[in-house]
Amino acid sequence: MKSILLFLSLSIMSLTAQITYQGNSETNKKHVVFVASDHEYRAEETCTALARILAKHHGYDCTVLYGVDENGEIEAGASNIKGLEALEKADGVVMFTRFLDLPDEQMKFIDEYLKRGGPIVGLRTSSHGFKIPEGKTYSKYDFRSKDPEFKNGFGEQILGNTWEGHYGRNHKQGTRIQIIPEQKGHAILIGVKDGAFCYAGGYNGVAREDFTVLTNSQPMKSMKKDAELDETKPPVPSTWVRHYMSEDGKKGRVFHSTQGTSEDLLDADYRRMMVNGIIWSVGDEALIKADSDVSFVGKYNPSKFKNGGHVKGVKPSDLQDMESDVMPVK
């Protein structure tokens, strides 16, 4: 009966532009939902890769929700994400969004999840994940929100920073991720070596009193892995943890990285930090091991990050096979 229900569940999911990778663990059955829709940094690739790693190597059930167009094909940055009702029973959520203005019937599931204090992982543009005009039901989530009780929206109130601008020249300068020495023992940094390389340029990370900053972002002079550091740009916070307070007074765990483009995952240490961060967010830090498997599942050949650069003609169902290419060439 369980297998029949699972089959029916997955069949319904396929109709709502989402995919689910079933974890292979009988003991660890937490469910992590990825919400992927940004215009530039290939959230659809990053989230697919991380979901597969967590499912195959770590036993989590992982659902990935994509922004889609009217034909049901993945469209970077689309404000149409079907299947968000999966958040109702999610144990954790990974957000990689930008400037979304979702219909109320979709946005309500994100709002309800945050009201119950669910764990949140935010990548890159999620600091400005929503751009919702004043007067709409969920306008408080806008990254420039003037709501006195929710200033600067989802970015500032949940992740800790709204959009504070680029730090250095994006698409021209890569970044070296530097571990804060005092935080080497943090669970998220287990097995992570100092100096991970990210193609994504720096953001102006602004530390607040309620942060624990784990790493800094140091701009480099070019996007080459062995480029010299740009000493005119001192390092700024790039990865941190904090808690947000839900409507009912519950504290929700938050892990945020100002990097996260699909090309950034090519660095094994950055990739490990992202996997560890997701595991930590759902309260499973005791499961984090220095030598745990964070290898890619299926062929991973990330697209160069740029606006309009997503692979066209791909439907979520094209990615359902865990061993399929990310992304498939149509």
Protein backbone atom coordinates (compact mmCIF):
# COMPACT_ATOMS: atom_id res chain seq x y z
CA MET A 1 0.00 0.00 0.00
CA LYS A 2 2.84 2.42 0.88
CA SER A 3 4.44 1.91 -2.54
CA ILE A 4 1.13 2.54 -4.30
CA LEU A 5 0.57 5.75 -2.37
CA LEU A 6 4.13 6.87 -3.15
CA PHE A 7 3.58 6.17 -6.85
CA LEU A 8 0.36 8.18 -6.84
CA SER A 9 2.05 11.00 -4.93
CA LEU A 10 4.90 11.20 -7.43
CA SER A 11 2.45 11.06 -10.34
CA ILE A 12 0.55 14.03 -8.94
CA MET A 13 3.82 15.90 -8.37
CA SER A 14 4.84 15.41 -12.00
CA LEU A 15 1.69 17.25 -13.03
CA THR A 16 2.55 20.21 -10.82
CA ALA A 17 5.99 20.93 -12.26
CA GLN A 18 8.02 19.43 -9.45
CA ILE A 19 10.22 16.42 -8.96
CA THR A 20 11.03 14.37 -5.89
CA TYR A 21 14.14 12.29 -5.22
CA GLN A 22 13.52 9.59 -2.66
CA GLY A 23 16.21 9.12 -0.02
CA ASN A 24 17.65 5.65 0.38
CA SER A 25 17.67 5.70 4.17
CA GLU A 26 15.15 3.89 6.34
CA THR A 27 16.06 5.92 9.40
CA ASN A 28 16.49 9.44 8.00
CA LYS A 29 13.27 10.35 6.24
CA LYS A 30 13.15 14.10 6.61
CA HIS A 31 11.77 15.98 3.64
CA VAL A 32 13.62 19.01 2.23
CA VAL A 33 11.93 21.23 -0.38
CA PHE A 34 13.95 23.36 -2.81
CA VAL A 35 12.35 26.47 -4.35
CA ALA A 36 14.34 27.38 -7.47
CA SER A 37 13.62 30.41 -9.64
CA ASP A 38 16.20 33.15 -10.24
CA HIS A 39 17.10 34.95 -13.44
CA GLU A 40 20.87 34.77 -13.50
CA TYR A 41 22.67 32.30 -11.27
CA ARG A 42 21.21 28.98 -12.43
CA ALA A 43 19.18 28.15 -9.33
CA GLU A 44 17.53 25.37 -11.31
CA GLU A 45 20.90 23.64 -11.65
CA THR A 46 22.23 24.32 -8.14
CA CYS A 47 19.07 23.09 -6.44
CA THR A 48 18.80 19.97 -8.59
CA ALA A 49 22.41 19.01 -7.86
CA LEU A 50 22.12 19.57 -4.10
CA ALA A 51 18.81 17.71 -3.90
CA ARG A 52 20.32 14.65 -5.59
CA ILE A 53 23.36 14.65 -3.29
CA LEU A 54 21.17 14.87 -0.20
CA ALA A 55 18.85 12.13 -1.43
CA LYS A 56 21.36 9.60 -2.68
CA HIS A 57 24.24 10.12 -0.24
CA HIS A 58 22.42 11.31 2.87
CA GLY A 59 18.97 9.72 2.75
CA TYR A 60 16.72 12.79 2.61
CA ASP A 61 13.56 12.95 0.54
CA CYS A 62 14.07 16.04 -1.64
CA THR A 63 11.48 17.87 -3.71
CA VAL A 64 12.57 20.53 -6.20
CA LEU A 65 10.08 23.18 -7.33
CA TYR A 66 10.93 25.23 -10.40
CA GLY A 67 9.70 28.44 -11.94
CA VAL A 68 7.93 27.38 -15.13
CA ASP A 69 6.39 29.01 -18.19
CA GLU A 70 2.95 28.40 -19.70
CA ASN A 71 4.24 25.23 -21.37
CA GLY A 72 5.50 23.76 -18.11
CA GLU A 73 9.13 24.29 -19.09
CA ILE A 74 11.67 25.60 -16.60
CA GLU A 75 12.00 29.38 -16.98
CA ALA A 76 14.64 31.14 -14.92
CA GLY A 77 13.06 33.74 -12.66
CA ALA A 78 9.46 32.87 -13.51
CA SER A 79 6.91 33.93 -10.88
CA ASN A 80 4.99 30.72 -11.30
CA ILE A 81 6.05 27.89 -9.00
CA LYS A 82 3.55 25.06 -8.89
CA GLY A 83 3.56 22.51 -6.11
CA LEU A 84 4.36 24.82 -3.19
CA GLU A 85 1.82 22.94 -1.11
CA ALA A 86 4.75 20.57 -0.51
CA LEU A 87 5.86 23.10 2.11
CA GLU A 88 2.94 22.13 4.33
CA LYS A 89 4.78 19.01 5.53
CA ALA A 90 8.38 20.01 4.72
CA ASP A 91 11.03 19.60 7.40
CA GLY A 92 13.28 22.15 5.71
CA VAL A 93 13.29 24.57 2.77
CA VAL A 94 16.10 25.79 0.51
CA MET A 95 15.30 29.07 -1.24
CA PHE A 96 17.10 30.23 -4.37
CA THR A 97 14.81 32.91 -5.75
CA ARG A 98 14.99 36.44 -7.08
CA PHE A 99 12.42 39.23 -7.52
CA LEU A 100 9.45 36.86 -7.42
CA ASP A 101 5.85 38.10 -7.38
CA LEU A 102 3.98 34.84 -6.98
CA PRO A 103 0.20 34.53 -7.19
CA ASP A 104 -1.43 34.60 -3.75
CA GLU A 105 -2.48 30.98 -4.06
CA GLN A 106 1.21 30.01 -4.35
CA MET A 107 2.74 32.58 -2.00
CA LYS A 108 0.44 31.55 0.84
CA PHE A 109 2.37 28.30 1.33
CA ILE A 110 5.65 30.16 1.85
CA ASP A 111 3.91 32.53 4.27
CA GLU A 112 2.39 29.65 6.24
CA TYR A 113 5.72 27.82 6.38
CA LEU A 114 7.44 30.86 7.86
CA LYS A 115 4.61 31.41 10.31
CA ARG A 116 5.34 27.98 11.77
CA GLY A 117 9.06 28.72 12.05
CA GLY A 118 10.33 26.19 9.53
CA PRO A 119 14.10 26.04 8.85
CA ILE A 120 15.32 28.13 5.90
CA VAL A 121 18.45 27.95 3.75
CA GLY A 122 18.88 30.99 1.51
CA LEU A 123 21.27 31.11 -1.43
CA ARG A 124 22.62 34.18 -3.26
CA THR A 125 19.69 36.22 -4.64
CA SER A 126 17.25 35.03 -2.00
CA SER A 127 18.26 38.16 -0.10
CA HIS A 128 16.11 39.91 -2.70
CA GLY A 129 13.97 36.90 -3.42
CA PHE A 130 10.67 38.79 -3.64
CA LYS A 131 9.60 41.95 -5.44
CA ILE A 132 5.95 42.43 -4.59
CA PRO A 133 4.20 45.79 -5.14
CA GLU A 134 2.61 47.60 -2.22
CA GLY A 135 -1.03 46.84 -1.67
CA LYS A 136 -0.78 43.15 -2.49
CA THR A 137 -1.51 40.43 0.06
CA TYR A 138 2.14 39.49 0.63
CA SER A 139 3.85 42.80 -0.16
CA LYS A 140 5.64 42.71 3.20
CA TYR A 141 8.02 40.12 1.74
CA ASP A 142 9.33 42.63 -0.85
CA PHE A 143 13.08 43.22 -0.53
CA ARG A 144 12.41 46.94 -0.07
CA SER A 145 9.37 46.51 2.18
CA LYS A 146 8.40 49.58 4.21
CA ASP A 147 6.25 47.53 6.58
CA PRO A 148 7.38 48.79 10.03
CA GLU A 149 7.11 45.25 11.42
CA PHE A 150 8.80 43.58 8.45
CA LYS A 151 11.32 46.11 7.16
CA ASN A 152 13.11 45.07 3.96
CA GLY A 153 11.08 41.94 3.75
CA PHE A 154 12.15 38.31 3.55
CA GLY A 155 15.83 39.10 3.07
CA GLU A 156 16.35 41.16 6.20
CA GLN A 157 13.70 39.64 8.45
CA ILE A 158 14.41 35.98 7.69
CA LEU A 159 17.89 35.65 6.15
CA GLY A 160 19.41 38.65 7.92
CA ASN A 161 20.30 40.85 4.93
CA THR A 162 18.28 42.33 2.12
CA TRP A 163 20.08 43.23 -1.12
CA GLU A 164 23.03 45.42 -0.12
CA GLY A 165 24.75 45.55 -3.52
CA HIS A 166 27.66 43.83 -5.23
CA TYR A 167 31.09 43.86 -3.64
CA GLY A 168 33.60 44.08 -6.46
CA ARG A 169 32.80 43.52 -10.13
CA ASN A 170 30.38 40.68 -10.70
CA HIS A 171 31.21 38.49 -13.74
CA LYS A 172 34.72 39.95 -13.59
CA GLN A 173 35.96 38.99 -10.12
CA GLY A 174 35.63 35.61 -8.47
CA THR A 175 35.75 35.17 -4.70
CA ARG A 176 37.85 33.22 -2.24
CA ILE A 177 35.78 31.89 0.68
CA GLN A 178 37.71 32.34 3.90
CA ILE A 179 36.74 30.48 7.07
CA ILE A 180 36.47 32.60 10.22
CA PRO A 181 39.16 30.98 12.45
CA GLU A 182 36.97 31.06 15.56
CA GLN A 183 34.25 29.10 13.74
CA LYS A 184 36.36 26.19 12.44
CA GLY A 185 34.62 23.88 14.89
CA HIS A 186 31.10 24.72 13.73
CA ALA A 187 29.18 21.71 12.40
CA ILE A 188 28.64 23.35 9.00
CA LEU A 189 32.41 23.61 8.51
CA ILE A 190 33.19 19.97 9.33
CA GLY A 191 35.41 18.62 6.54
CA VAL A 192 35.47 22.01 4.77
CA LYS A 193 38.92 23.32 3.82
CA ASP A 194 39.68 27.01 3.85
CA GLY A 195 39.87 28.89 0.57
CA ALA A 196 37.03 27.53 -1.53
CA PHE A 197 36.75 29.24 -4.91
CA CYS A 198 33.47 30.68 -6.17
CA TYR A 199 32.83 32.16 -9.59
CA ALA A 200 30.04 34.35 -8.23
CA GLY A 201 31.20 37.80 -7.24
CA GLY A 202 30.91 39.12 -3.71
CA TYR A 203 27.85 40.67 -2.13
CA ASN A 204 27.97 43.31 0.58
CA GLY A 205 27.30 41.02 3.51
CA VAL A 206 26.48 43.12 6.57
CA ALA A 207 26.86 41.28 9.87
CA ARG A 208 24.30 41.87 12.60
CA GLU A 209 24.44 41.10 16.30
CA ASP A 210 22.26 38.01 15.93
CA PHE A 211 24.53 36.43 13.28
CA THR A 212 27.21 33.84 13.63
CA VAL A 213 29.40 34.55 10.61
CA LEU A 214 31.13 31.39 9.38
CA THR A 215 33.02 32.64 6.32
CA ASN A 216 34.06 35.81 4.57
CA SER A 217 34.10 36.51 0.85
CA GLN A 218 37.40 37.88 -0.47
CA PRO A 219 37.21 39.35 -4.01
CA MET A 220 39.91 38.21 -6.44
CA LYS A 221 41.45 40.10 -9.34
CA SER A 222 39.81 37.89 -11.94
CA MET A 223 37.58 34.82 -12.25
CA LYS A 224 40.52 32.44 -12.55
CA LYS A 225 40.88 29.98 -9.67
CA ASP A 226 44.51 30.95 -9.06
CA ALA A 227 43.98 34.72 -9.36
CA GLU A 228 45.54 37.04 -6.82
CA LEU A 229 43.36 38.53 -4.11
CA ASP A 230 42.09 42.06 -4.64
CA GLU A 231 43.66 43.70 -1.60
CA THR A 232 41.70 46.90 -2.24
CA LYS A 233 38.61 44.96 -1.18
CA PRO A 234 38.86 43.64 2.40
CA PRO A 235 36.83 40.48 3.09
CA VAL A 236 33.14 40.78 4.00
CA PRO A 237 30.70 38.25 5.53
CA SER A 238 29.47 35.64 3.04
CA THR A 239 28.08 32.74 5.07
CA TRP A 240 26.23 32.89 8.37
CA VAL A 241 23.66 31.28 10.61
CA ARG A 242 20.96 32.91 12.70
CA HIS A 243 17.42 32.36 13.94
CA TYR A 244 14.25 34.17 12.99
CA MET A 245 11.21 34.43 15.21
CA SER A 246 7.99 32.99 13.79
CA GLU A 247 4.56 34.46 14.32
CA ASP A 248 3.84 31.96 17.08
CA GLY A 249 7.14 32.64 18.88
CA LYS A 250 9.09 29.67 17.57
CA LYS A 251 12.73 30.18 16.55
CA GLY A 252 13.52 29.02 13.01
CA ARG A 253 17.06 28.06 11.97
CA VAL A 254 18.61 29.99 9.08
CA PHE A 255 21.68 29.27 6.98
CA HIS A 256 22.59 31.81 4.30
CA SER A 257 25.31 32.01 1.65
CA THR A 258 25.84 35.02 -0.60
CA GLN A 259 27.29 32.69 -3.24
CA GLY A 260 25.64 29.62 -4.74
CA THR A 261 25.62 29.81 -8.53
CA SER A 262 25.71 26.39 -10.20
CA GLU A 263 29.37 26.90 -11.17
CA ASP A 264 30.25 27.50 -7.51
CA LEU A 265 29.30 23.91 -6.71
CA LEU A 266 32.27 22.71 -8.77
CA ASP A 267 34.43 23.51 -5.75
CA ALA A 268 34.15 20.46 -3.48
CA ASP A 269 34.65 22.47 -0.28
CA TYR A 270 31.99 25.01 -1.13
CA ARG A 271 29.68 22.17 -2.13
CA ARG A 272 30.33 20.37 1.16
CA MET A 273 29.57 23.54 3.11
CA MET A 274 26.21 23.86 1.32
CA VAL A 275 25.31 20.23 2.02
CA ASN A 276 26.38 20.56 5.67
CA GLY A 277 24.39 23.78 5.98
CA ILE A 278 21.19 22.14 4.80
CA ILE A 279 21.69 19.19 7.15
CA TRP A 280 22.38 21.60 10.04
CA SER A 281 19.28 23.64 9.24
CA VAL A 282 16.96 20.68 9.84
CA GLY A 283 18.65 19.86 13.15
CA ASP A 284 20.71 16.89 11.98
CA GLU A 285 24.19 18.26 12.71
CA ALA A 286 25.07 15.03 14.54
CA LEU A 287 24.96 13.29 11.15
CA ILE A 288 27.59 15.55 9.55
CA LYS A 289 30.86 13.74 8.87
CA ALA A 290 34.12 15.13 7.52
CA ASP A 291 34.35 12.40 4.90
CA SER A 292 30.69 12.12 3.91
CA ASP A 293 29.99 11.77 0.21
CA VAL A 294 29.19 15.04 -1.55
CA SER A 295 29.96 13.87 -5.08
CA PHE A 296 27.59 14.81 -7.89
CA VAL A 297 24.83 12.43 -8.89
CA GLY A 298 24.47 12.22 -12.65
CA LYS A 299 26.58 14.22 -15.08
CA TYR A 300 26.95 17.78 -13.85
CA ASN A 301 28.04 20.34 -16.40
CA PRO A 302 26.80 23.71 -15.08
CA SER A 303 25.88 26.51 -17.42
CA LYS A 304 27.72 29.81 -17.29
CA PHE A 305 25.73 32.14 -15.09
CA LYS A 306 24.17 35.08 -16.90
CA ASN A 307 20.75 36.61 -17.40
CA GLY A 308 18.74 34.58 -19.88
CA GLY A 309 21.32 31.81 -19.78
CA HIS A 310 19.14 28.92 -18.64
CA VAL A 311 18.91 25.82 -20.79
CA LYS A 312 15.71 26.13 -22.82
CA GLY A 313 13.07 23.50 -23.41
CA VAL A 314 13.65 21.52 -20.19
CA LYS A 315 10.71 20.28 -18.14
CA PRO A 316 11.06 19.19 -14.50
CA SER A 317 10.21 15.65 -15.57
CA ASP A 318 13.39 15.62 -17.71
CA LEU A 319 15.34 15.72 -14.43
CA GLN A 320 13.38 13.08 -12.52
CA ASP A 321 15.90 10.33 -13.28
CA MET A 322 18.55 10.92 -10.61
CA GLU A 323 21.31 9.88 -13.02
CA SER A 324 20.21 12.20 -15.83
CA ASP A 325 22.38 15.11 -16.97
CA VAL A 326 22.14 18.48 -15.24
CA MET A 327 21.13 20.10 -17.44
CA PRO A 328 19.99 17.86 -20.32
CA VAL A 329 20.82 19.17 -23.78
CA LYS A 330 17.59 19.40 -25.79
